Amino acid sequence: MGLKKQVGMGMASAALGLTLIGGGTFAYFSDSETTNNTFAAGTIDLGVEPTEVIEVDNIQPGDSMTRDFELQNNGSVDMNKVLLETDYSVIDAEGDNTDDFGNHIQVEFLYNADQLNEVIYETTLAELKEMTPEAVNEEVFIPALGEDGLEAGTSDDLVVEFTFVDNGEDQNEFQGDTLNLEWTFTAQQATDEEE
């Protein structure tokens, strides 16, 4: 081996030795812990009793029917909004309707405090069908349930009175007709800004 190779090998060996010595001077104590985390989502579970809005036969102008709904928050998250969407269809028995039967059905949402019913909001089924669920929440549920809505594990009553309005005019076109009403209740949780 030549002198140059021997000197090169010697320098490489010296550098390796210094590296090992230097690396040993940086030893330190260490410790680690592992944590286990669980993110369990809360639930929104709106229950409505009864599930049938109303079923009556042989109504005539002037008849009123009262229905008491229990809104239940069966979930683990507070609901700050309850939205109501109204839809209905009319079966025109004689095919002679010139008006919407829903214009003749008055709907009154009531407080039911010790049987002293006070009207929260009054409209017709036809008008209610045209309202947005947000507008119904503002007119009906905020006054009925308050700004805080329905807390988890609680329930509240919603009393509704339906009246086939006797307008003092000929309403014969509605004889034998059927109005099928569908209400869809939707609950929403409180957002951080609303809490």
N, C-alpha and C. Protein backbone atom coordinates (compact mmCIF):
# COMPACT_ATOMS: atom_id res chain seq x y z
N MET A 1 0.83 -1.15 0.00
CA MET A 1 0.00 0.00 0.00
C MET A 1 0.89 1.23 0.00
N GLY A 2 0.43 2.26 -0.73
CA GLY A 2 1.24 3.45 -0.78
C GLY A 2 1.02 4.33 0.43
N LEU A 3 1.94 5.25 0.57
CA LEU A 3 1.89 6.17 1.70
C LEU A 3 0.61 6.98 1.68
N LYS A 4 0.23 7.39 0.55
CA LYS A 4 -1.00 8.18 0.45
C LYS A 4 -2.21 7.37 0.92
N LYS A 5 -2.26 6.11 0.53
CA LYS A 5 -3.38 5.26 0.93
C LYS A 5 -3.36 5.05 2.43
N GLN A 6 -2.17 4.85 3.01
CA GLN A 6 -2.07 4.63 4.45
C GLN A 6 -2.50 5.88 5.21
N VAL A 7 -2.07 7.04 4.76
CA VAL A 7 -2.46 8.29 5.43
C VAL A 7 -3.97 8.49 5.29
N GLY A 8 -4.53 8.21 4.12
CA GLY A 8 -5.98 8.36 3.90
C GLY A 8 -6.77 7.43 4.79
N MET A 9 -6.30 6.18 4.93
CA MET A 9 -6.97 5.21 5.80
C MET A 9 -6.88 5.64 7.25
N GLY A 10 -5.74 6.17 7.62
CA GLY A 10 -5.55 6.62 9.00
C GLY A 10 -6.47 7.79 9.31
N MET A 11 -6.64 8.71 8.39
CA MET A 11 -7.51 9.87 8.62
C MET A 11 -8.98 9.42 8.68
N ALA A 12 -9.34 8.49 7.83
CA ALA A 12 -10.72 7.99 7.84
C ALA A 12 -11.01 7.28 9.15
N SER A 13 -10.03 6.49 9.64
CA SER A 13 -10.22 5.79 10.92
C SER A 13 -10.34 6.79 12.05
N ALA A 14 -9.50 7.85 12.02
CA ALA A 14 -9.55 8.88 13.07
C ALA A 14 -10.91 9.59 13.05
N ALA A 15 -11.42 9.92 11.87
CA ALA A 15 -12.71 10.60 11.75
C ALA A 15 -13.85 9.73 12.28
N LEU A 16 -13.78 8.44 11.97
CA LEU A 16 -14.80 7.51 12.47
C LEU A 16 -14.75 7.42 13.98
N GLY A 17 -13.55 7.36 14.54
CA GLY A 17 -13.42 7.30 15.99
C GLY A 17 -13.95 8.56 16.66
N LEU A 18 -13.66 9.72 16.10
CA LEU A 18 -14.17 10.98 16.67
C LEU A 18 -15.70 11.03 16.59
N THR A 19 -16.23 10.54 15.52
CA THR A 19 -17.69 10.52 15.38
C THR A 19 -18.32 9.65 16.44
N LEU A 20 -17.76 8.48 16.68
CA LEU A 20 -18.31 7.59 17.69
C LEU A 20 -18.19 8.20 19.08
N ILE A 21 -17.07 8.82 19.36
CA ILE A 21 -16.88 9.46 20.66
C ILE A 21 -17.84 10.62 20.81
N GLY A 22 -17.92 11.45 19.75
CA GLY A 22 -18.82 12.62 19.80
C GLY A 22 -20.27 12.20 19.93
N GLY A 23 -20.65 11.14 19.24
CA GLY A 23 -22.04 10.66 19.32
C GLY A 23 -22.37 10.19 20.71
N GLY A 24 -21.41 9.64 21.41
CA GLY A 24 -21.65 9.14 22.75
C GLY A 24 -21.84 10.25 23.77
N THR A 25 -21.36 11.44 23.47
CA THR A 25 -21.50 12.54 24.43
C THR A 25 -22.90 13.15 24.40
N PHE A 26 -23.76 12.79 23.45
CA PHE A 26 -25.10 13.35 23.37
C PHE A 26 -26.16 12.42 23.93
N ALA A 27 -25.81 11.48 24.73
CA ALA A 27 -26.78 10.57 25.34
C ALA A 27 -27.66 11.36 26.31
N TYR A 28 -28.98 10.99 26.41
CA TYR A 28 -29.91 11.68 27.32
C TYR A 28 -30.97 10.70 27.78
N PHE A 29 -31.69 11.10 28.90
CA PHE A 29 -32.80 10.30 29.38
C PHE A 29 -34.03 10.62 28.54
N SER A 30 -34.91 9.67 28.37
CA SER A 30 -36.17 9.93 27.66
C SER A 30 -37.28 9.08 28.24
N ASP A 31 -38.49 9.53 27.99
CA ASP A 31 -39.66 8.79 28.45
C ASP A 31 -40.79 9.11 27.48
N SER A 32 -41.73 8.23 27.32
CA SER A 32 -42.88 8.51 26.45
C SER A 32 -44.12 7.86 27.04
N GLU A 33 -45.25 8.48 26.77
CA GLU A 33 -46.54 7.96 27.20
C GLU A 33 -47.46 7.93 25.99
N THR A 34 -48.31 6.94 25.91
CA THR A 34 -49.31 6.85 24.85
C THR A 34 -50.68 7.10 25.45
N THR A 35 -51.45 7.98 24.82
CA THR A 35 -52.80 8.24 25.30
C THR A 35 -53.80 7.69 24.31
N ASN A 36 -54.91 7.24 24.83
CA ASN A 36 -56.01 6.77 23.99
C ASN A 36 -57.16 7.75 24.13
N ASN A 37 -57.67 8.25 23.02
CA ASN A 37 -58.74 9.23 23.03
C ASN A 37 -59.93 8.69 22.27
N THR A 38 -61.12 9.08 22.75
CA THR A 38 -62.35 8.67 22.09
C THR A 38 -63.18 9.91 21.81
N PHE A 39 -63.69 10.01 20.62
CA PHE A 39 -64.59 11.09 20.25
C PHE A 39 -65.95 10.45 20.00
N ALA A 40 -66.85 10.62 20.96
CA ALA A 40 -68.19 10.04 20.81
C ALA A 40 -69.14 11.16 20.42
N ALA A 41 -69.77 11.01 19.30
CA ALA A 41 -70.70 12.04 18.83
C ALA A 41 -71.98 11.97 19.63
N GLY A 42 -72.51 13.14 19.96
CA GLY A 42 -73.81 13.22 20.63
C GLY A 42 -74.92 12.88 19.64
N THR A 43 -76.12 12.76 20.14
CA THR A 43 -77.22 12.40 19.26
C THR A 43 -78.35 13.42 19.37
N ILE A 44 -78.99 13.64 18.25
CA ILE A 44 -80.23 14.41 18.19
C ILE A 44 -81.31 13.39 17.89
N ASP A 45 -82.28 13.29 18.76
CA ASP A 45 -83.34 12.30 18.59
C ASP A 45 -84.65 12.96 18.98
N LEU A 46 -85.36 13.46 17.98
CA LEU A 46 -86.64 14.13 18.23
C LEU A 46 -87.75 13.10 18.14
N GLY A 47 -88.51 13.01 19.22
CA GLY A 47 -89.69 12.15 19.22
C GLY A 47 -90.94 13.00 19.22
N VAL A 48 -91.95 12.59 18.50
CA VAL A 48 -93.23 13.29 18.47
C VAL A 48 -94.32 12.27 18.74
N GLU A 49 -95.10 12.54 19.74
CA GLU A 49 -96.22 11.68 20.09
C GLU A 49 -97.50 12.51 20.09
N PRO A 50 -98.52 12.12 19.43
CA PRO A 50 -98.65 10.96 18.55
C PRO A 50 -98.04 11.27 17.19
N THR A 51 -97.81 10.24 16.41
CA THR A 51 -97.23 10.43 15.08
C THR A 51 -98.30 10.73 14.03
N GLU A 52 -99.54 10.48 14.34
CA GLU A 52 -100.64 10.81 13.42
C GLU A 52 -101.10 12.22 13.74
N VAL A 53 -101.09 13.11 12.75
CA VAL A 53 -101.46 14.50 13.01
C VAL A 53 -102.90 14.55 13.48
N ILE A 54 -103.82 14.16 12.65
CA ILE A 54 -105.23 14.17 13.04
C ILE A 54 -106.01 13.36 12.01
N GLU A 55 -107.03 12.68 12.46
CA GLU A 55 -107.89 11.95 11.54
C GLU A 55 -109.32 12.08 12.03
N VAL A 56 -110.11 12.79 11.26
CA VAL A 56 -111.53 12.96 11.61
C VAL A 56 -112.35 12.75 10.35
N ASP A 57 -113.55 12.29 10.56
CA ASP A 57 -114.49 12.08 9.45
C ASP A 57 -115.68 13.01 9.63
N ASN A 58 -116.34 13.26 8.53
CA ASN A 58 -117.60 14.00 8.52
C ASN A 58 -117.51 15.39 9.14
N ILE A 59 -116.38 16.09 8.91
CA ILE A 59 -116.32 17.45 9.43
C ILE A 59 -117.16 18.36 8.56
N GLN A 60 -117.63 19.41 9.17
CA GLN A 60 -118.44 20.39 8.46
C GLN A 60 -117.99 21.78 8.87
N PRO A 61 -118.31 22.79 8.08
CA PRO A 61 -117.90 24.15 8.43
C PRO A 61 -118.29 24.48 9.88
N GLY A 62 -117.32 25.04 10.61
CA GLY A 62 -117.54 25.40 12.01
C GLY A 62 -116.95 24.39 13.00
N ASP A 63 -116.62 23.17 12.55
CA ASP A 63 -116.07 22.15 13.45
C ASP A 63 -114.62 22.48 13.81
N SER A 64 -114.28 22.21 15.08
CA SER A 64 -112.90 22.39 15.56
C SER A 64 -112.42 21.10 16.20
N MET A 65 -111.14 20.83 16.05
CA MET A 65 -110.51 19.66 16.64
C MET A 65 -109.19 20.09 17.26
N THR A 66 -108.92 19.65 18.49
CA THR A 66 -107.68 20.01 19.17
C THR A 66 -106.78 18.79 19.25
N ARG A 67 -105.50 19.02 19.00
CA ARG A 67 -104.52 17.94 19.03
C ARG A 67 -103.34 18.38 19.89
N ASP A 68 -102.94 17.52 20.81
CA ASP A 68 -101.81 17.79 21.71
C ASP A 68 -100.65 16.91 21.28
N PHE A 69 -99.55 17.54 20.89
CA PHE A 69 -98.34 16.82 20.49
C PHE A 69 -97.29 16.97 21.59
N GLU A 70 -96.63 15.88 21.90
CA GLU A 70 -95.51 15.95 22.84
C GLU A 70 -94.22 15.87 22.03
N LEU A 71 -93.43 16.94 22.09
CA LEU A 71 -92.13 16.97 21.44
C LEU A 71 -91.11 16.49 22.46
N GLN A 72 -90.34 15.47 22.11
CA GLN A 72 -89.40 14.86 23.06
C GLN A 72 -87.99 14.94 22.50
N ASN A 73 -87.05 15.37 23.35
CA ASN A 73 -85.64 15.31 22.98
C ASN A 73 -85.06 14.07 23.64
N ASN A 74 -85.05 12.97 22.91
CA ASN A 74 -84.57 11.69 23.42
C ASN A 74 -83.07 11.50 23.20
N GLY A 75 -82.40 12.54 22.71
CA GLY A 75 -80.97 12.45 22.44
C GLY A 75 -80.13 12.97 23.59
N SER A 76 -78.85 13.18 23.31
CA SER A 76 -77.91 13.67 24.32
C SER A 76 -77.45 15.09 24.05
N VAL A 77 -77.96 15.71 23.00
CA VAL A 77 -77.57 17.06 22.60
C VAL A 77 -78.81 17.96 22.66
N ASP A 78 -78.64 19.17 23.19
CA ASP A 78 -79.74 20.13 23.24
C ASP A 78 -80.15 20.53 21.83
N MET A 79 -81.46 20.71 21.64
CA MET A 79 -81.99 21.18 20.36
C MET A 79 -82.36 22.65 20.55
N ASN A 80 -81.86 23.50 19.67
CA ASN A 80 -82.28 24.89 19.81
C ASN A 80 -83.33 25.28 18.79
N LYS A 81 -83.53 24.43 17.79
CA LYS A 81 -84.55 24.72 16.78
C LYS A 81 -85.37 23.47 16.51
N VAL A 82 -86.65 23.69 16.37
CA VAL A 82 -87.53 22.64 15.84
C VAL A 82 -88.19 23.26 14.62
N LEU A 83 -87.98 22.64 13.49
CA LEU A 83 -88.53 23.15 12.24
C LEU A 83 -89.71 22.28 11.83
N LEU A 84 -90.72 22.92 11.27
CA LEU A 84 -91.92 22.21 10.85
C LEU A 84 -92.18 22.53 9.38
N GLU A 85 -92.27 21.46 8.58
CA GLU A 85 -92.61 21.62 7.17
C GLU A 85 -93.98 21.01 6.96
N THR A 86 -94.84 21.76 6.29
CA THR A 86 -96.22 21.34 6.06
C THR A 86 -96.42 20.99 4.59
N ASP A 87 -97.07 19.87 4.37
CA ASP A 87 -97.47 19.49 3.03
C ASP A 87 -98.84 18.82 3.13
N TYR A 88 -99.64 18.97 2.13
CA TYR A 88 -100.93 18.27 2.11
C TYR A 88 -101.39 18.09 0.67
N SER A 89 -102.28 17.16 0.51
CA SER A 89 -102.93 16.94 -0.78
C SER A 89 -104.42 16.88 -0.55
N VAL A 90 -105.17 17.31 -1.54
CA VAL A 90 -106.63 17.31 -1.45
C VAL A 90 -107.18 16.35 -2.49
N ILE A 91 -108.06 15.48 -2.03
CA ILE A 91 -108.79 14.61 -2.95
C ILE A 91 -110.16 15.25 -3.17
N ASP A 92 -110.35 15.77 -4.36
CA ASP A 92 -111.58 16.46 -4.74
C ASP A 92 -112.60 15.42 -5.20
N ALA A 93 -113.52 15.06 -4.31
CA ALA A 93 -114.45 13.96 -4.57
C ALA A 93 -115.30 14.16 -5.82
N GLU A 94 -115.75 15.37 -6.05
CA GLU A 94 -116.66 15.63 -7.18
C GLU A 94 -115.94 16.32 -8.35
N GLY A 95 -114.66 16.68 -8.14
CA GLY A 95 -113.93 17.36 -9.21
C GLY A 95 -114.44 18.76 -9.48
N ASP A 96 -115.02 19.40 -8.47
CA ASP A 96 -115.63 20.72 -8.67
C ASP A 96 -114.99 21.84 -7.86
N ASN A 97 -113.82 21.60 -7.26
CA ASN A 97 -113.21 22.63 -6.42
C ASN A 97 -112.67 23.78 -7.26
N THR A 98 -113.01 24.98 -6.83
CA THR A 98 -112.45 26.19 -7.43
C THR A 98 -111.49 26.87 -6.45
N ASP A 99 -111.46 26.37 -5.23
CA ASP A 99 -110.60 26.93 -4.19
C ASP A 99 -109.82 25.78 -3.54
N ASP A 100 -108.75 26.13 -2.86
CA ASP A 100 -107.93 25.16 -2.14
C ASP A 100 -108.59 24.90 -0.78
N PHE A 101 -108.89 23.65 -0.50
CA PHE A 101 -109.51 23.26 0.78
C PHE A 101 -108.65 23.76 1.95
N GLY A 102 -107.32 23.80 1.76
CA GLY A 102 -106.41 24.26 2.81
C GLY A 102 -106.63 25.70 3.22
N ASN A 103 -107.22 26.51 2.34
CA ASN A 103 -107.55 27.91 2.70
C ASN A 103 -108.67 27.97 3.72
N HIS A 104 -109.41 26.90 3.88
CA HIS A 104 -110.57 26.88 4.77
C HIS A 104 -110.29 26.14 6.08
N ILE A 105 -109.07 25.65 6.24
CA ILE A 105 -108.70 24.99 7.49
C ILE A 105 -107.78 25.93 8.26
N GLN A 106 -108.30 26.46 9.36
CA GLN A 106 -107.53 27.37 10.22
C GLN A 106 -106.71 26.54 11.21
N VAL A 107 -105.47 26.97 11.45
CA VAL A 107 -104.59 26.29 12.39
C VAL A 107 -104.17 27.28 13.46
N GLU A 108 -104.41 26.93 14.72
CA GLU A 108 -103.99 27.76 15.85
C GLU A 108 -103.02 26.96 16.71
N PHE A 109 -101.83 27.49 16.88
CA PHE A 109 -100.85 26.89 17.79
C PHE A 109 -101.06 27.55 19.14
N LEU A 110 -101.20 26.73 20.19
CA LEU A 110 -101.62 27.24 21.49
C LEU A 110 -100.63 26.90 22.59
N TYR A 111 -100.56 27.80 23.59
CA TYR A 111 -99.93 27.44 24.86
C TYR A 111 -100.94 26.59 25.60
N ASN A 112 -100.48 25.68 26.42
CA ASN A 112 -101.40 24.88 27.21
C ASN A 112 -100.96 24.92 28.67
N ALA A 113 -101.07 26.10 29.27
CA ALA A 113 -100.68 26.28 30.67
C ALA A 113 -101.94 26.18 31.53
N ASP A 114 -102.07 25.06 32.25
CA ASP A 114 -103.22 24.83 33.14
C ASP A 114 -104.55 24.98 32.41
N GLN A 115 -104.60 24.46 31.19
CA GLN A 115 -105.83 24.47 30.38
C GLN A 115 -106.29 25.86 29.97
N LEU A 116 -105.50 26.89 30.20
CA LEU A 116 -105.82 28.23 29.73
C LEU A 116 -105.09 28.43 28.41
N ASN A 117 -105.74 28.03 27.33
CA ASN A 117 -105.09 28.05 26.03
C ASN A 117 -105.02 29.47 25.48
N GLU A 118 -103.80 29.88 25.11
CA GLU A 118 -103.57 31.19 24.53
C GLU A 118 -102.94 30.97 23.17
N VAL A 119 -103.42 31.68 22.17
CA VAL A 119 -102.93 31.48 20.80
C VAL A 119 -101.51 32.05 20.67
N ILE A 120 -100.59 31.20 20.19
CA ILE A 120 -99.23 31.63 19.88
C ILE A 120 -99.20 32.20 18.46
N TYR A 121 -99.80 31.43 17.54
CA TYR A 121 -99.78 31.82 16.14
C TYR A 121 -100.98 31.21 15.45
N GLU A 122 -101.58 31.98 14.54
CA GLU A 122 -102.77 31.53 13.82
C GLU A 122 -102.56 31.74 12.33
N THR A 123 -102.93 30.73 11.54
CA THR A 123 -102.78 30.81 10.09
C THR A 123 -103.72 29.78 9.47
N THR A 124 -103.65 29.63 8.16
CA THR A 124 -104.41 28.56 7.49
C THR A 124 -103.41 27.50 7.04
N LEU A 125 -103.91 26.32 6.74
CA LEU A 125 -103.03 25.27 6.24
C LEU A 125 -102.35 25.69 4.94
N ALA A 126 -103.07 26.39 4.08
CA ALA A 126 -102.50 26.84 2.81
C ALA A 126 -101.34 27.79 3.06
N GLU A 127 -101.50 28.73 3.99
CA GLU A 127 -100.42 29.68 4.30
C GLU A 127 -99.25 28.96 4.97
N LEU A 128 -99.57 28.01 5.85
CA LEU A 128 -98.53 27.27 6.56
C LEU A 128 -97.68 26.46 5.58
N LYS A 129 -98.33 25.92 4.55
CA LYS A 129 -97.62 25.14 3.53
C LYS A 129 -96.61 26.01 2.78
N GLU A 130 -96.92 27.28 2.62
CA GLU A 130 -96.05 28.20 1.88
C GLU A 130 -94.92 28.76 2.74
N MET A 131 -95.02 28.65 4.06
CA MET A 131 -94.00 29.19 4.96
C MET A 131 -92.75 28.30 4.97
N THR A 132 -91.59 28.93 5.14
CA THR A 132 -90.37 28.15 5.30
C THR A 132 -90.34 27.56 6.71
N PRO A 133 -89.67 26.43 6.90
CA PRO A 133 -89.55 25.87 8.24
C PRO A 133 -88.90 26.86 9.24
N GLU A 134 -87.97 27.69 8.76
CA GLU A 134 -87.34 28.70 9.64
C GLU A 134 -88.38 29.71 10.13
N ALA A 135 -89.27 30.14 9.23
CA ALA A 135 -90.31 31.10 9.61
C ALA A 135 -91.27 30.48 10.63
N VAL A 136 -91.60 29.20 10.44
CA VAL A 136 -92.48 28.53 11.40
C VAL A 136 -91.80 28.44 12.77
N ASN A 137 -90.49 28.17 12.78
CA ASN A 137 -89.74 28.12 14.03
C ASN A 137 -89.85 29.45 14.77
N GLU A 138 -89.68 30.55 14.04
CA GLU A 138 -89.73 31.88 14.66
C GLU A 138 -91.12 32.21 15.18
N GLU A 139 -92.15 31.82 14.44
CA GLU A 139 -93.52 32.17 14.82
C GLU A 139 -94.12 31.23 15.87
N VAL A 140 -93.71 29.95 15.84
CA VAL A 140 -94.35 28.95 16.69
C VAL A 140 -93.43 28.43 17.79
N PHE A 141 -92.27 27.90 17.41
CA PHE A 141 -91.46 27.16 18.38
C PHE A 141 -90.65 28.04 19.32
N ILE A 142 -90.16 29.19 18.83
CA ILE A 142 -89.44 30.08 19.76
C ILE A 142 -90.40 30.57 20.85
N PRO A 143 -91.62 31.04 20.50
CA PRO A 143 -92.54 31.42 21.58
C PRO A 143 -92.96 30.24 22.46
N ALA A 144 -93.10 29.04 21.87
CA ALA A 144 -93.57 27.88 22.64
C ALA A 144 -92.47 27.27 23.50
N LEU A 145 -91.27 27.12 22.94
CA LEU A 145 -90.19 26.43 23.64
C LEU A 145 -89.17 27.39 24.23
N GLY A 146 -89.21 28.66 23.84
CA GLY A 146 -88.23 29.63 24.32
C GLY A 146 -86.99 29.63 23.44
N GLU A 147 -86.13 30.61 23.68
CA GLU A 147 -84.91 30.77 22.89
C GLU A 147 -83.97 29.57 23.03
N ASP A 148 -84.03 28.88 24.17
CA ASP A 148 -83.10 27.78 24.42
C ASP A 148 -83.52 26.48 23.75
N GLY A 149 -84.73 26.40 23.26
CA GLY A 149 -85.19 25.20 22.58
C GLY A 149 -85.55 24.09 23.54
N LEU A 150 -85.14 22.88 23.23
CA LEU A 150 -85.51 21.69 23.99
C LEU A 150 -84.24 20.99 24.45
N GLU A 151 -84.01 21.00 25.75
CA GLU A 151 -82.80 20.39 26.30
C GLU A 151 -82.87 18.87 26.19
N ALA A 152 -81.69 18.25 26.16
CA ALA A 152 -81.59 16.79 26.08
C ALA A 152 -82.34 16.16 27.25
N GLY A 153 -83.11 15.12 26.95
CA GLY A 153 -83.83 14.39 27.99
C GLY A 153 -85.11 15.05 28.47
N THR A 154 -85.57 16.10 27.79
CA THR A 154 -86.80 16.77 28.22
C THR A 154 -87.86 16.69 27.11
N SER A 155 -89.06 17.11 27.45
CA SER A 155 -90.14 17.14 26.47
C SER A 155 -90.99 18.37 26.73
N ASP A 156 -91.79 18.74 25.76
CA ASP A 156 -92.69 19.87 25.89
C ASP A 156 -93.91 19.61 25.02
N ASP A 157 -95.03 20.21 25.40
CA ASP A 157 -96.27 20.01 24.65
C ASP A 157 -96.46 21.10 23.61
N LEU A 158 -97.02 20.72 22.49
CA LEU A 158 -97.45 21.65 21.45
C LEU A 158 -98.91 21.34 21.20
N VAL A 159 -99.76 22.31 21.46
CA VAL A 159 -101.20 22.11 21.29
C VAL A 159 -101.64 22.85 20.03
N VAL A 160 -102.39 22.15 19.18
CA VAL A 160 -102.83 22.72 17.91
C VAL A 160 -104.34 22.52 17.78
N GLU A 161 -105.01 23.59 17.38
CA GLU A 161 -106.45 23.49 17.11
C GLU A 161 -106.69 23.72 15.63
N PHE A 162 -107.38 22.77 15.00
CA PHE A 162 -107.75 22.86 13.60
C PHE A 162 -109.24 23.20 13.52
N THR A 163 -109.59 24.17 12.68
CA THR A 163 -110.99 24.56 12.52
C THR A 163 -111.33 24.62 11.03
N PHE A 164 -112.41 23.94 10.66
CA PHE A 164 -112.95 24.10 9.31
C PHE A 164 -113.80 25.37 9.37
N VAL A 165 -113.24 26.45 8.86
CA VAL A 165 -113.84 27.77 9.01
C VAL A 165 -115.15 27.86 8.24
N ASP A 166 -116.19 28.31 8.95
CA ASP A 166 -117.47 28.60 8.31
C ASP A 166 -117.41 30.05 7.87
N ASN A 167 -117.22 30.26 6.58
CA ASN A 167 -117.08 31.64 6.09
C ASN A 167 -118.42 32.30 5.75
N GLY A 168 -119.52 31.63 6.05
CA GLY A 168 -120.85 32.20 5.80
C GLY A 168 -121.27 32.16 4.34
N GLU A 169 -120.45 31.52 3.53
CA GLU A 169 -120.76 31.42 2.11
C GLU A 169 -120.95 29.95 1.73
N ASP A 170 -121.27 29.72 0.48
CA ASP A 170 -121.46 28.37 -0.02
C ASP A 170 -120.10 27.65 -0.06
N GLN A 171 -119.99 26.57 0.71
CA GLN A 171 -118.77 25.77 0.71
C GLN A 171 -119.07 24.33 0.27
N ASN A 172 -120.12 24.18 -0.53
CA ASN A 172 -120.54 22.86 -0.98
C ASN A 172 -119.49 22.14 -1.81
N GLU A 173 -118.59 22.89 -2.43
CA GLU A 173 -117.57 22.25 -3.27
C GLU A 173 -116.67 21.30 -2.47
N PHE A 174 -116.64 21.45 -1.14
CA PHE A 174 -115.77 20.61 -0.31
C PHE A 174 -116.48 19.38 0.25
N GLN A 175 -117.77 19.20 -0.07
CA GLN A 175 -118.49 18.03 0.43
C GLN A 175 -117.83 16.76 -0.11
N GLY A 176 -117.52 15.84 0.81
CA GLY A 176 -116.94 14.55 0.45
C GLY A 176 -115.44 14.61 0.17
N ASP A 177 -114.84 15.81 0.20
CA ASP A 177 -113.40 15.93 -0.07
C ASP A 177 -112.58 15.43 1.11
N THR A 178 -111.34 15.08 0.83
CA THR A 178 -110.40 14.64 1.85
C THR A 178 -109.13 15.46 1.74
N LEU A 179 -108.63 15.93 2.88
CA LEU A 179 -107.35 16.63 2.91
C LEU A 179 -106.38 15.77 3.71
N ASN A 180 -105.32 15.33 3.07
CA ASN A 180 -104.29 14.51 3.73
C ASN A 180 -103.12 15.41 4.11
N LEU A 181 -102.92 15.59 5.40
CA LEU A 181 -101.92 16.50 5.94
C LEU A 181 -100.68 15.73 6.38
N GLU A 182 -99.51 16.27 6.02
CA GLU A 182 -98.25 15.68 6.46
C GLU A 182 -97.39 16.77 7.08
N TRP A 183 -97.00 16.55 8.33
CA TRP A 183 -96.09 17.47 9.01
C TRP A 183 -94.77 16.76 9.22
N THR A 184 -93.68 17.42 8.84
CA THR A 184 -92.34 16.89 9.06
C THR A 184 -91.64 17.79 10.07
N PHE A 185 -91.35 17.22 11.25
CA PHE A 185 -90.63 17.94 12.29
C PHE A 185 -89.14 17.63 12.15
N THR A 186 -88.30 18.65 12.18
CA THR A 186 -86.86 18.48 12.12
C THR A 186 -86.23 19.27 13.25
N ALA A 187 -85.35 18.62 14.00
CA ALA A 187 -84.66 19.29 15.11
C ALA A 187 -83.23 19.60 14.70
N GLN A 188 -82.73 20.74 15.19
CA GLN A 188 -81.35 21.11 14.96
C GLN A 188 -80.67 21.43 16.28
N GLN A 189 -79.39 21.08 16.38
CA GLN A 189 -78.64 21.34 17.59
C GLN A 189 -78.22 22.80 17.64
N ALA A 190 -77.87 23.25 18.84
CA ALA A 190 -77.35 24.60 19.01
C ALA A 190 -75.94 24.65 18.44
N THR A 191 -75.61 25.75 17.76
CA THR A 191 -74.24 25.95 17.29
C THR A 191 -73.49 26.74 18.35
N ASP A 192 -72.16 26.80 18.23
CA ASP A 192 -71.34 27.52 19.21
C ASP A 192 -71.74 28.98 19.31
N GLU A 193 -72.09 29.61 18.17
CA GLU A 193 -72.47 31.02 18.20
C GLU A 193 -73.79 31.23 18.94
N GLU A 194 -74.67 30.22 18.93
CA GLU A 194 -76.00 30.36 19.51
C GLU A 194 -76.04 29.99 20.98
N GLU A 195 -75.01 29.35 21.49
CA GLU A 195 -75.02 28.92 22.89
C GLU A 195 -74.66 30.06 23.80
